Amino acid sequence: MSATTAPEAALSVLPRADGSAKYSYAGYTVTASVNGPIEAQRKDEHAQEAYVDVIVRPAAGVGGTRERHLESLLQSSLSQLILVKNFPRMLIQVVLQVEAVPDNDYENTKLVQASLNFPIIPALLQTAVLGLLSAVVPMRATATSTVAAVVFQDGAKRVVVDPSPKELAAARSVHVLAFTSHDELILAESEGDFSVKEWDDVYDAAAKICCQSGAGNADTAMDLDGPVNAGPDMRQFLNSTLEAKVAADLYWK
């Protein structure tokens, strides 16, 4: 695994937003600001539900096609989490500012360029969820996400969670999955060549990290030629971050 440290997060870091969060992991640092529900402009009004507006700002330069694609994926996922039907004709805006990305010595590699969107999606989604929780936006569930790649190493095929740029360059396929706190799969994006068996192993490895109940297990994941590397328990991380925030807010009592 490329990440050598545990995920880190802080809530309510921006005083003028309804909610905000900063999240760092695997070389990525993202800050989210959340405002809403607020009155939507006429062009954004939905008669039956709130409109979820997601804006992704890159670490350098202005956003382009890559950011618009990320915004579309995140908007679809967050709309499944937020109780949008509780706020007809309203707007919930999530702005995600990318502050840091991991160093990439393989930026001229075609596969890495094609997969460049994938590794940042979990960081963006986790930051958005933390920001929504900070803003106390009603949701039916939270969500956790991870990225995994199927690579050949030392003649063996294995699933690598949180792959490095070098591992992405050697990957046969790259996958991003996200699960709700009810263990429902809400996001699955894949790229490359893979078999049904490889997809099942990726799913098991991702579920083991994202779902507290451990929908996957090491035995089924090791049906590949080599073992699946471990990753952080993302649901436990999310819960502990919220518990720390609540404890800090109630400290005066």
C-alpha atoms as a PDB file:
ATOM      1  CA  MET A   1       0.000   0.000   0.000  1.00  0.00           C
ATOM      2  CA  SER A   2       1.295   3.433  -0.894  1.00  0.00           C
ATOM      3  CA  ALA A   3       0.009   5.199   2.181  1.00  0.00           C
ATOM      4  CA  THR A   4       2.211   4.906   5.215  1.00  0.00           C
ATOM      5  CA  THR A   5       0.084   6.932   7.616  1.00  0.00           C
ATOM      6  CA  ALA A   6      -3.482   6.698   8.817  1.00  0.00           C
ATOM      7  CA  PRO A   7      -6.173   9.034   7.471  1.00  0.00           C
ATOM      8  CA  GLU A   8      -6.515  12.399   9.193  1.00  0.00           C
ATOM      9  CA  ALA A   9      -9.530  14.711   9.331  1.00  0.00           C
ATOM     10  CA  ALA A  10     -10.734  17.887  11.005  1.00  0.00           C
ATOM     11  CA  LEU A  11     -14.281  19.250  11.053  1.00  0.00           C
ATOM     12  CA  SER A  12     -15.569  22.839  11.042  1.00  0.00           C
ATOM     13  CA  VAL A  13     -12.303  24.310   9.768  1.00  0.00           C
ATOM     14  CA  LEU A  14     -13.971  27.181   7.838  1.00  0.00           C
ATOM     15  CA  PRO A  15     -15.857  29.610  10.118  1.00  0.00           C
ATOM     16  CA  ARG A  16     -18.116  31.175   7.466  1.00  0.00           C
ATOM     17  CA  ALA A  17     -19.503  27.980   5.948  1.00  0.00           C
ATOM     18  CA  ASP A  18     -22.479  26.038   7.294  1.00  0.00           C
ATOM     19  CA  GLY A  19     -20.147  23.060   7.518  1.00  0.00           C
ATOM     20  CA  SER A  20     -16.598  22.231   6.513  1.00  0.00           C
ATOM     21  CA  ALA A  21     -13.939  19.547   6.754  1.00  0.00           C
ATOM     22  CA  LYS A  22     -10.318  18.851   5.842  1.00  0.00           C
ATOM     23  CA  TYR A  23      -9.243  15.305   4.994  1.00  0.00           C
ATOM     24  CA  SER A  24      -5.771  13.912   4.265  1.00  0.00           C
ATOM     25  CA  TYR A  25      -4.763  10.427   3.193  1.00  0.00           C
ATOM     26  CA  ALA A  26      -2.551   8.657   0.644  1.00  0.00           C
ATOM     27  CA  GLY A  27      -0.903  11.927  -0.365  1.00  0.00           C
ATOM     28  CA  TYR A  28      -4.171  13.771  -1.007  1.00  0.00           C
ATOM     29  CA  THR A  29      -5.453  16.704   1.043  1.00  0.00           C
ATOM     30  CA  VAL A  30      -8.916  18.105   0.334  1.00  0.00           C
ATOM     31  CA  THR A  31     -10.954  20.804   2.064  1.00  0.00           C
ATOM     32  CA  ALA A  32     -14.739  20.939   1.755  1.00  0.00           C
ATOM     33  CA  SER A  33     -17.161  23.761   2.427  1.00  0.00           C
ATOM     34  CA  VAL A  34     -20.875  22.970   2.598  1.00  0.00           C
ATOM     35  CA  ASN A  35     -23.760  25.434   2.529  1.00  0.00           C
ATOM     36  CA  GLY A  36     -27.447  24.601   2.621  1.00  0.00           C
ATOM     37  CA  PRO A  37     -30.182  23.931   2.385  1.00  0.00           C
ATOM     38  CA  ILE A  38     -30.474  27.407   0.851  1.00  0.00           C
ATOM     39  CA  GLU A  39     -32.815  28.889  -1.720  1.00  0.00           C
ATOM     40  CA  ALA A  40     -31.940  27.656  -5.202  1.00  0.00           C
ATOM     41  CA  GLN A  41     -31.818  29.803  -8.296  1.00  0.00           C
ATOM     42  CA  ARG A  42     -34.696  29.204 -10.673  1.00  0.00           C
ATOM     43  CA  LYS A  43     -32.508  27.278 -13.130  1.00  0.00           C
ATOM     44  CA  ASP A  44     -31.491  24.855 -10.355  1.00  0.00           C
ATOM     45  CA  GLU A  45     -34.909  24.383  -8.766  1.00  0.00           C
ATOM     46  CA  HIS A  46     -36.329  20.881  -8.526  1.00  0.00           C
ATOM     47  CA  ALA A  47     -39.992  20.883  -7.624  1.00  0.00           C
ATOM     48  CA  GLN A  48     -39.786  17.674  -5.589  1.00  0.00           C
ATOM     49  CA  GLU A  49     -36.280  17.667  -4.105  1.00  0.00           C
ATOM     50  CA  ALA A  50     -33.139  19.639  -3.320  1.00  0.00           C
ATOM     51  CA  TYR A  51     -30.483  20.174  -5.948  1.00  0.00           C
ATOM     52  CA  VAL A  52     -27.016  18.981  -4.909  1.00  0.00           C
ATOM     53  CA  ASP A  53     -24.358  21.178  -6.496  1.00  0.00           C
ATOM     54  CA  VAL A  54     -20.800  19.808  -6.341  1.00  0.00           C
ATOM     55  CA  ILE A  55     -17.811  21.932  -7.363  1.00  0.00           C
ATOM     56  CA  VAL A  56     -14.296  20.446  -7.568  1.00  0.00           C
ATOM     57  CA  ARG A  57     -11.373  22.861  -7.693  1.00  0.00           C
ATOM     58  CA  PRO A  58      -7.934  21.462  -8.645  1.00  0.00           C
ATOM     59  CA  ALA A  59      -4.777  22.089  -6.647  1.00  0.00           C
ATOM     60  CA  ALA A  60      -3.410  24.258  -9.465  1.00  0.00           C
ATOM     61  CA  GLY A  61      -5.005  25.990 -12.412  1.00  0.00           C
ATOM     62  CA  VAL A  62      -8.673  26.010 -13.336  1.00  0.00           C
ATOM     63  CA  GLY A  63     -11.038  23.084 -13.546  1.00  0.00           C
ATOM     64  CA  GLY A  64     -11.615  21.311 -16.835  1.00  0.00           C
ATOM     65  CA  THR A  65     -13.196  18.165 -18.229  1.00  0.00           C
ATOM     66  CA  ARG A  66     -11.592  16.002 -15.523  1.00  0.00           C
ATOM     67  CA  GLU A  67     -13.175  18.057 -12.718  1.00  0.00           C
ATOM     68  CA  ARG A  68     -16.578  18.087 -14.454  1.00  0.00           C
ATOM     69  CA  HIS A  69     -16.465  14.286 -14.624  1.00  0.00           C
ATOM     70  CA  LEU A  70     -15.582  14.065 -10.928  1.00  0.00           C
ATOM     71  CA  GLU A  71     -18.401  16.470 -10.057  1.00  0.00           C
ATOM     72  CA  SER A  72     -20.900  14.301 -11.946  1.00  0.00           C
ATOM     73  CA  LEU A  73     -19.822  11.134 -10.094  1.00  0.00           C
ATOM     74  CA  LEU A  74     -19.884  12.843  -6.690  1.00  0.00           C
ATOM     75  CA  GLN A  75     -23.217  14.537  -7.310  1.00  0.00           C
ATOM     76  CA  SER A  76     -24.821  11.190  -8.144  1.00  0.00           C
ATOM     77  CA  SER A  77     -23.354   9.526  -5.039  1.00  0.00           C
ATOM     78  CA  LEU A  78     -24.166  12.345  -2.601  1.00  0.00           C
ATOM     79  CA  SER A  79     -27.723  12.639  -3.920  1.00  0.00           C
ATOM     80  CA  GLN A  80     -28.240   9.034  -2.828  1.00  0.00           C
ATOM     81  CA  LEU A  81     -27.075   9.882   0.704  1.00  0.00           C
ATOM     82  CA  ILE A  82     -28.773  13.231   1.335  1.00  0.00           C
ATOM     83  CA  LEU A  83     -32.487  13.324   2.123  1.00  0.00           C
ATOM     84  CA  VAL A  84     -33.081  15.551  -0.893  1.00  0.00           C
ATOM     85  CA  LYS A  85     -36.858  15.065  -0.893  1.00  0.00           C
ATOM     86  CA  ASN A  86     -37.032  16.835   2.478  1.00  0.00           C
ATOM     87  CA  PHE A  87     -36.000  20.127   0.845  1.00  0.00           C
ATOM     88  CA  PRO A  88     -37.857  20.775  -2.429  1.00  0.00           C
ATOM     89  CA  ARG A  89     -36.712  23.813  -4.433  1.00  0.00           C
ATOM     90  CA  MET A  90     -33.619  24.167  -2.233  1.00  0.00           C
ATOM     91  CA  LEU A  91     -29.896  23.979  -2.944  1.00  0.00           C
ATOM     92  CA  ILE A  92     -27.133  22.111  -1.102  1.00  0.00           C
ATOM     93  CA  GLN A  93     -23.724  23.208  -2.324  1.00  0.00           C
ATOM     94  CA  VAL A  94     -20.514  21.263  -1.741  1.00  0.00           C
ATOM     95  CA  VAL A  95     -17.231  22.895  -2.784  1.00  0.00           C
ATOM     96  CA  LEU A  96     -14.150  20.646  -2.740  1.00  0.00           C
ATOM     97  CA  GLN A  97     -10.751  22.318  -2.928  1.00  0.00           C
ATOM     98  CA  VAL A  98      -7.863  19.953  -3.669  1.00  0.00           C
ATOM     99  CA  GLU A  99      -4.865  21.234  -1.721  1.00  0.00           C
ATOM    100  CA  ALA A 100      -2.271  18.506  -2.281  1.00  0.00           C
ATOM    101  CA  VAL A 101      -1.795  15.440  -4.471  1.00  0.00           C
ATOM    102  CA  PRO A 102       0.924  12.767  -4.271  1.00  0.00           C
ATOM    103  CA  ASP A 103       4.104  13.219  -6.269  1.00  0.00           C
ATOM    104  CA  ASN A 104       3.827  11.416  -9.587  1.00  0.00           C
ATOM    105  CA  ASP A 105       7.058  10.338 -11.276  1.00  0.00           C
ATOM    106  CA  TYR A 106       5.036   8.454 -13.875  1.00  0.00           C
ATOM    107  CA  GLU A 107       2.966  11.297 -15.285  1.00  0.00           C
ATOM    108  CA  ASN A 108       3.995  10.443 -18.843  1.00  0.00           C
ATOM    109  CA  THR A 109       2.657   6.907 -18.523  1.00  0.00           C
ATOM    110  CA  LYS A 110      -0.490   6.453 -20.577  1.00  0.00           C
ATOM    111  CA  LEU A 111      -2.247   4.203 -18.049  1.00  0.00           C
ATOM    112  CA  VAL A 112      -1.606   6.599 -15.173  1.00  0.00           C
ATOM    113  CA  GLN A 113      -2.968   9.511 -17.184  1.00  0.00           C
ATOM    114  CA  ALA A 114      -6.087   7.516 -18.009  1.00  0.00           C
ATOM    115  CA  SER A 115      -6.558   6.549 -14.373  1.00  0.00           C
ATOM    116  CA  LEU A 116      -5.667   9.895 -12.871  1.00  0.00           C
ATOM    117  CA  ASN A 117      -9.264  10.593 -11.788  1.00  0.00           C
ATOM    118  CA  PHE A 118      -9.619   7.337  -9.898  1.00  0.00           C
ATOM    119  CA  PRO A 119      -7.236   7.659  -6.909  1.00  0.00           C
ATOM    120  CA  ILE A 120      -8.616  11.055  -5.851  1.00  0.00           C
ATOM    121  CA  ILE A 121     -12.297  10.025  -5.811  1.00  0.00           C
ATOM    122  CA  PRO A 122     -12.211   8.435  -2.309  1.00  0.00           C
ATOM    123  CA  ALA A 123     -10.559  11.550  -0.844  1.00  0.00           C
ATOM    124  CA  LEU A 124     -13.151  13.814  -2.458  1.00  0.00           C
ATOM    125  CA  LEU A 125     -16.067  11.651  -1.334  1.00  0.00           C
ATOM    126  CA  GLN A 126     -14.817  11.266   2.255  1.00  0.00           C
ATOM    127  CA  THR A 127     -14.240  15.017   2.550  1.00  0.00           C
ATOM    128  CA  ALA A 128     -17.703  15.768   1.175  1.00  0.00           C
ATOM    129  CA  VAL A 129     -19.373  13.369   3.618  1.00  0.00           C
ATOM    130  CA  LEU A 130     -17.471  14.860   6.552  1.00  0.00           C
ATOM    131  CA  GLY A 131     -18.444  18.358   5.408  1.00  0.00           C
ATOM    132  CA  LEU A 132     -22.115  17.378   5.167  1.00  0.00           C
ATOM    133  CA  LEU A 133     -21.984  15.921   8.676  1.00  0.00           C
ATOM    134  CA  SER A 134     -20.358  19.113   9.928  1.00  0.00           C
ATOM    135  CA  ALA A 135     -23.190  21.127   8.332  1.00  0.00           C
ATOM    136  CA  VAL A 136     -25.777  18.788   9.932  1.00  0.00           C
ATOM    137  CA  VAL A 137     -27.365  18.110   6.543  1.00  0.00           C
ATOM    138  CA  PRO A 138     -29.918  15.276   6.993  1.00  0.00           C
ATOM    139  CA  MET A 139     -28.696  12.068   5.381  1.00  0.00           C
ATOM    140  CA  ARG A 140     -30.038   8.548   5.256  1.00  0.00           C
ATOM    141  CA  ALA A 141     -26.516   7.137   5.576  1.00  0.00           C
ATOM    142  CA  THR A 142     -22.845   8.012   5.482  1.00  0.00           C
ATOM    143  CA  ALA A 143     -20.390   6.556   2.973  1.00  0.00           C
ATOM    144  CA  THR A 144     -16.814   5.315   2.755  1.00  0.00           C
ATOM    145  CA  SER A 145     -14.728   4.690  -0.340  1.00  0.00           C
ATOM    146  CA  THR A 146     -11.460   3.177  -1.510  1.00  0.00           C
ATOM    147  CA  VAL A 147      -9.480   2.580  -4.705  1.00  0.00           C
ATOM    148  CA  ALA A 148      -7.950  -0.767  -5.641  1.00  0.00           C
ATOM    149  CA  ALA A 149      -5.832  -2.050  -8.512  1.00  0.00           C
ATOM    150  CA  VAL A 150      -5.115  -5.524  -9.846  1.00  0.00           C
ATOM    151  CA  VAL A 151      -1.364  -5.742 -10.506  1.00  0.00           C
ATOM    152  CA  PHE A 152       1.284  -8.352 -11.297  1.00  0.00           C
ATOM    153  CA  GLN A 153       4.164  -8.394  -8.807  1.00  0.00           C
ATOM    154  CA  ASP A 154       6.937 -10.994  -8.761  1.00  0.00           C
ATOM    155  CA  GLY A 155       4.966 -13.158 -11.142  1.00  0.00           C
ATOM    156  CA  ALA A 156       1.844 -13.103  -8.942  1.00  0.00           C
ATOM    157  CA  LYS A 157      -1.456 -11.318  -9.412  1.00  0.00           C
ATOM    158  CA  ARG A 158      -2.730  -9.379  -6.407  1.00  0.00           C
ATOM    159  CA  VAL A 159      -5.131  -6.628  -5.363  1.00  0.00           C
ATOM    160  CA  VAL A 160      -3.420  -3.432  -4.161  1.00  0.00           C
ATOM    161  CA  VAL A 161      -5.456  -0.977  -2.104  1.00  0.00           C
ATOM    162  CA  ASP A 162      -4.503   2.721  -2.366  1.00  0.00           C
ATOM    163  CA  PRO A 163      -2.030   2.033  -5.198  1.00  0.00           C
ATOM    164  CA  SER A 164       0.969   4.295  -5.755  1.00  0.00           C
ATOM    165  CA  PRO A 165       1.583   5.948  -9.155  1.00  0.00           C
ATOM    166  CA  LYS A 166       4.114   3.184  -9.887  1.00  0.00           C
ATOM    167  CA  GLU A 167       1.543   0.506  -9.066  1.00  0.00           C
ATOM    168  CA  LEU A 168      -1.040   2.303 -11.202  1.00  0.00           C
ATOM    169  CA  ALA A 169       1.416   2.263 -14.095  1.00  0.00           C
ATOM    170  CA  ALA A 170       1.715  -1.519 -13.760  1.00  0.00           C
ATOM    171  CA  ALA A 171      -1.980  -2.142 -13.055  1.00  0.00           C
ATOM    172  CA  ARG A 172      -4.060  -4.457 -15.183  1.00  0.00           C
ATOM    173  CA  SER A 173      -7.206  -2.687 -13.953  1.00  0.00           C
ATOM    174  CA  VAL A 174      -8.154   0.082 -11.511  1.00  0.00           C
ATOM    175  CA  HIS A 175     -11.385   0.253  -9.501  1.00  0.00           C
ATOM    176  CA  VAL A 176     -13.086   2.759  -7.188  1.00  0.00           C
ATOM    177  CA  LEU A 177     -15.891   1.546  -4.916  1.00  0.00           C
ATOM    178  CA  ALA A 178     -17.982   3.305  -2.277  1.00  0.00           C
ATOM    179  CA  PHE A 179     -20.369   1.786   0.256  1.00  0.00           C
ATOM    180  CA  THR A 180     -23.002   3.325   2.505  1.00  0.00           C
ATOM    181  CA  SER A 181     -23.102   2.703   6.244  1.00  0.00           C
ATOM    182  CA  HIS A 182     -25.830   0.146   5.392  1.00  0.00           C
ATOM    183  CA  ASP A 183     -23.274  -1.792   3.293  1.00  0.00           C
ATOM    184  CA  GLU A 184     -24.926  -0.751   0.022  1.00  0.00           C
ATOM    185  CA  LEU A 185     -22.710  -0.213  -3.013  1.00  0.00           C
ATOM    186  CA  ILE A 186     -23.375   3.317  -4.338  1.00  0.00           C
ATOM    187  CA  LEU A 187     -20.352   3.881  -6.571  1.00  0.00           C
ATOM    188  CA  ALA A 188     -18.408   1.457  -8.747  1.00  0.00           C
ATOM    189  CA  GLU A 189     -16.078   2.774 -11.440  1.00  0.00           C
ATOM    190  CA  SER A 190     -13.651   0.461 -13.223  1.00  0.00           C
ATOM    191  CA  GLU A 191     -11.034   0.811 -15.924  1.00  0.00           C
ATOM    192  CA  GLY A 192      -8.848  -1.704 -17.716  1.00  0.00           C
ATOM    193  CA  ASP A 193      -9.111  -5.420 -18.435  1.00  0.00           C
ATOM    194  CA  PHE A 194     -10.394  -7.691 -15.673  1.00  0.00           C
ATOM    195  CA  SER A 195     -12.310 -10.903 -15.239  1.00  0.00           C
ATOM    196  CA  VAL A 196     -15.416 -11.512 -13.151  1.00  0.00           C
ATOM    197  CA  LYS A 197     -13.222 -13.342 -10.631  1.00  0.00           C
ATOM    198  CA  GLU A 198     -10.877 -10.348 -10.356  1.00  0.00           C
ATOM    199  CA  TRP A 199     -13.839  -8.011  -9.880  1.00  0.00           C
ATOM    200  CA  ASP A 200     -15.175 -10.215  -7.083  1.00  0.00           C
ATOM    201  CA  ASP A 201     -11.802 -10.100  -5.336  1.00  0.00           C
ATOM    202  CA  VAL A 202     -11.647  -6.318  -5.700  1.00  0.00           C
ATOM    203  CA  TYR A 203     -15.176  -6.038  -4.308  1.00  0.00           C
ATOM    204  CA  ASP A 204     -14.272  -8.200  -1.310  1.00  0.00           C
ATOM    205  CA  ALA A 205     -11.121  -6.196  -0.586  1.00  0.00           C
ATOM    206  CA  ALA A 206     -12.988  -2.867  -0.850  1.00  0.00           C
ATOM    207  CA  ALA A 207     -15.884  -4.079   1.300  1.00  0.00           C
ATOM    208  CA  LYS A 208     -13.439  -5.243   3.960  1.00  0.00           C
ATOM    209  CA  ILE A 209     -12.039  -1.713   4.209  1.00  0.00           C
ATOM    210  CA  CYS A 210     -15.283   0.265   3.791  1.00  0.00           C
ATOM    211  CA  CYS A 211     -17.788  -1.881   5.699  1.00  0.00           C
ATOM    212  CA  GLN A 212     -17.436  -2.308   9.437  1.00  0.00           C
ATOM    213  CA  SER A 213     -18.996  -5.744   9.244  1.00  0.00           C
ATOM    214  CA  GLY A 214     -16.221  -6.863   6.852  1.00  0.00           C
ATOM    215  CA  ALA A 215     -18.293  -7.969   3.884  1.00  0.00           C
ATOM    216  CA  GLY A 216     -15.103  -9.391   2.384  1.00  0.00           C
ATOM    217  CA  ASN A 217     -12.552 -11.595   4.080  1.00  0.00           C
ATOM    218  CA  ALA A 218      -8.924 -12.460   3.571  1.00  0.00           C
ATOM    219  CA  ASP A 219      -9.622 -16.059   2.542  1.00  0.00           C
ATOM    220  CA  THR A 220     -11.850 -15.190  -0.415  1.00  0.00           C
ATOM    221  CA  ALA A 221      -9.608 -12.272  -1.427  1.00  0.00           C
ATOM    222  CA  MET A 222      -6.525 -14.492  -1.526  1.00  0.00           C
ATOM    223  CA  ASP A 223      -7.978 -16.593  -4.332  1.00  0.00           C
ATOM    224  CA  LEU A 224      -5.761 -14.486  -6.581  1.00  0.00           C
ATOM    225  CA  ASP A 225      -2.156 -15.589  -7.095  1.00  0.00           C
ATOM    226  CA  GLY A 226      -0.975 -13.371  -4.239  1.00  0.00           C
ATOM    227  CA  PRO A 227      -2.395 -11.830  -1.062  1.00  0.00           C
ATOM    228  CA  VAL A 228      -4.473  -8.678  -0.839  1.00  0.00           C
ATOM    229  CA  ASN A 229      -2.720  -5.873   1.037  1.00  0.00           C
ATOM    230  CA  ALA A 230      -4.383  -4.423   4.117  1.00  0.00           C
ATOM    231  CA  GLY A 231      -5.980  -1.005   4.368  1.00  0.00           C
ATOM    232  CA  PRO A 232      -7.463   1.244   7.045  1.00  0.00           C
ATOM    233  CA  ASP A 233     -10.892   0.594   8.513  1.00  0.00           C
ATOM    234  CA  MET A 234     -12.598   3.590   6.923  1.00  0.00           C
ATOM    235  CA  ARG A 235     -15.901   3.231   8.758  1.00  0.00           C
ATOM    236  CA  GLN A 236     -14.165   3.138  12.119  1.00  0.00           C
ATOM    237  CA  PHE A 237     -12.162   6.196  11.072  1.00  0.00           C
ATOM    238  CA  LEU A 238     -15.339   8.078  10.157  1.00  0.00           C
ATOM    239  CA  ASN A 239     -17.019   7.146  13.435  1.00  0.00           C
ATOM    240  CA  SER A 240     -14.008   8.091  15.550  1.00  0.00           C
ATOM    241  CA  THR A 241     -13.714  11.467  13.788  1.00  0.00           C
ATOM    242  CA  LEU A 242     -17.339  12.283  14.590  1.00  0.00           C
ATOM    243  CA  GLU A 243     -16.996  11.073  18.170  1.00  0.00           C
ATOM    244  CA  ALA A 244     -13.960  13.312  18.693  1.00  0.00           C
ATOM    245  CA  LYS A 245     -15.847  16.301  17.270  1.00  0.00           C
ATOM    246  CA  VAL A 246     -18.884  15.723  19.507  1.00  0.00           C
ATOM    247  CA  ALA A 247     -16.664  15.263  22.552  1.00  0.00           C
ATOM    248  CA  ALA A 248     -14.866  18.536  21.797  1.00  0.00           C
ATOM    249  CA  ASP A 249     -18.146  20.416  21.294  1.00  0.00           C
ATOM    250  CA  LEU A 250     -19.559  19.128  24.600  1.00  0.00           C
ATOM    251  CA  TYR A 251     -16.344  19.595  26.589  1.00  0.00           C
ATOM    252  CA  TRP A 252     -17.720  22.694  28.328  1.00  0.00           C
ATOM    253  CA  LYS A 253     -20.377  20.537  30.022  1.00  0.00           C
END
